Protein backbone atom coordinates (compact mmCIF):
# COMPACT_ATOMS: atom_id res chain seq x y z
CA UNK A 1 12.04 6.97 -11.81
CA UNK A 2 8.46 5.97 -12.61
CA UNK A 3 6.20 3.11 -11.61
CA UNK A 4 3.90 1.48 -14.16
CA UNK A 5 1.29 -0.54 -12.33
CA UNK A 6 -2.09 -2.23 -12.44
CA UNK A 7 -4.19 -3.15 -9.41
CA UNK A 8 -6.45 -6.07 -10.30
CA UNK A 9 -8.52 -6.51 -7.16
CA UNK A 10 -5.73 -5.60 -4.76
CA UNK A 11 -5.74 -2.64 -2.41
CA UNK A 12 -4.12 0.47 -3.88
CA UNK A 13 -0.35 0.88 -3.53
CA UNK A 14 0.68 3.50 -0.98
CA UNK A 15 3.41 5.99 -1.87
CA UNK A 16 5.04 7.75 1.08
CA UNK A 17 7.38 10.56 0.18
CA UNK A 18 10.50 11.30 2.24
CA UNK A 19 8.75 14.23 3.97
CA UNK A 20 5.91 11.96 5.18
CA UNK A 21 3.35 12.94 2.55
CA UNK A 22 1.43 9.74 1.83
CA UNK A 23 -1.15 9.01 -0.85
CA UNK A 24 -2.70 5.98 -2.46
CA UNK A 25 -2.14 5.29 -6.14
CA UNK A 26 -5.75 4.82 -7.20
CA UNK A 27 -5.40 4.73 -10.97
CA UNK A 28 -4.81 1.56 -12.94
CA UNK A 29 -7.78 -0.21 -11.38
CA UNK A 30 -8.90 -3.39 -13.13
CA UNK A 31 -11.31 -6.24 -12.41
CA UNK A 32 -10.07 -8.88 -10.00
CA UNK A 33 -7.85 -11.48 -11.63
CA UNK A 34 -9.91 -14.46 -12.81
CA UNK A 35 -13.25 -12.62 -12.53
CA UNK A 36 -13.88 -12.08 -16.25
CA UNK A 37 -13.17 -14.55 -19.08
CA UNK A 38 -11.60 -11.85 -21.33
CA UNK A 39 -10.57 -8.99 -19.05
CA UNK A 40 -9.04 -5.67 -20.03
CA UNK A 41 -6.46 -4.57 -17.49
CA UNK A 42 -5.74 -0.87 -17.15
CA UNK A 43 -2.34 0.44 -16.23
CA UNK A 44 -1.14 3.74 -14.81
CA UNK A 45 2.20 5.47 -14.50
CA UNK A 46 3.24 7.48 -11.46
CA UNK A 47 6.56 9.17 -10.62
CA UNK A 48 8.55 7.83 -7.69
CA UNK A 49 10.43 10.70 -6.05
CA UNK A 50 13.90 10.10 -4.57
CA UNK A 51 13.68 8.96 -0.95
CA UNK A 52 10.07 7.80 -1.29
CA UNK A 53 8.76 4.45 -0.08
CA UNK A 54 6.33 2.35 -2.10
CA UNK A 55 4.18 -0.06 -0.12
CA UNK A 56 2.29 -3.01 -1.61
CA UNK A 57 0.15 -5.04 0.78
CA UNK A 58 -2.71 -7.52 1.03
CA UNK A 59 -6.17 -6.66 2.29
CA UNK A 60 -5.45 -8.41 5.59
CA UNK A 61 -3.39 -5.40 6.63
CA UNK A 62 -6.28 -2.91 6.33
CA UNK A 63 -9.59 -4.79 6.48
CA UNK A 64 -11.41 -5.32 9.79
CA UNK A 65 -14.77 -6.84 10.56
CA UNK A 66 -17.42 -4.24 11.36
CA UNK A 67 -15.25 -1.40 10.01
CA UNK A 68 -15.41 0.52 6.76
CA UNK A 69 -12.40 -0.18 4.53
CA UNK A 70 -11.64 3.54 4.26
CA UNK A 71 -10.97 3.58 8.02
CA UNK A 72 -8.29 0.90 7.63
CA UNK A 73 -6.75 2.68 4.65
CA UNK A 74 -6.65 5.98 6.54
CA UNK A 75 -5.02 4.24 9.51
CA UNK A 76 -2.37 2.74 7.20
CA UNK A 77 -1.68 6.12 5.58
CA UNK A 78 -1.22 7.77 9.00
CA UNK A 79 1.06 5.01 10.35
CA UNK A 80 3.18 4.98 7.19
CA UNK A 81 3.47 8.76 7.17
CA UNK A 82 4.89 8.86 10.70
CA UNK A 83 7.13 5.78 10.29
CA UNK A 84 8.69 6.64 6.92
CA UNK A 85 11.88 8.12 8.42
CA UNK A 86 12.77 4.79 10.03
CA UNK A 87 15.02 2.28 8.25
CA UNK A 88 12.96 0.14 5.87
CA UNK A 89 12.87 -2.98 8.06
CA UNK A 90 11.77 -0.92 11.09
CA UNK A 91 9.21 0.87 8.90
CA UNK A 92 7.63 -2.49 8.02
CA UNK A 93 7.76 -3.72 11.62
CA UNK A 94 6.10 -0.53 12.84
CA UNK A 95 3.31 -0.85 10.27
CA UNK A 96 2.61 -4.43 11.26
CA UNK A 97 2.63 -3.58 14.96
CA UNK A 98 0.32 -0.61 14.46
CA UNK A 99 -2.08 -2.23 12.01
CA UNK A 100 -2.58 -5.80 13.17
CA UNK A 101 -4.96 -6.62 16.00
CA UNK A 102 -5.59 -9.78 17.99
CA UNK A 103 -8.81 -10.49 16.04
CA UNK A 104 -7.06 -10.36 12.66
CA UNK A 105 -7.51 -13.78 11.07
CA UNK A 106 -6.77 -12.81 7.47
CA UNK A 107 -3.47 -13.37 5.73
CA UNK A 108 -1.22 -10.34 5.70
CA UNK A 109 1.72 -9.62 3.46
CA UNK A 110 3.56 -6.45 2.55
CA UNK A 111 6.36 -5.44 0.26
CA UNK A 112 8.14 -2.13 0.71
CA UNK A 113 10.58 -0.51 -1.67
CA UNK A 114 12.54 2.61 -0.81
CA UNK A 115 14.23 4.67 -3.51
CA UNK A 116 17.66 6.06 -2.86
CA UNK A 117 18.01 9.81 -2.50
CA UNK A 118 20.32 10.09 -5.54
């Protein structure tokens, strides 16, 4: 199975393979929706291995005041890598518990999709 995607101002999707290997899908970057009057949106295609988990999320999950965004992305990658063996609902709960702090006042949403093993 393959994913065709475009990220228009959103944080990059995170793909976590069944063995815990996690990487961001950084291709398919486009200008933020509504930013340009006649935008060109790029797309990318990436394979989705059996047993992998695809995570889409809003910036509220990874952004923190007084912290570089790469720190939040690295934290998400680490949490997702260790939690991927949990059932999908527990995986999402664990990410929220590990990523959100008391001073988080931004909206947070996530969507997780897990592919069957075959």
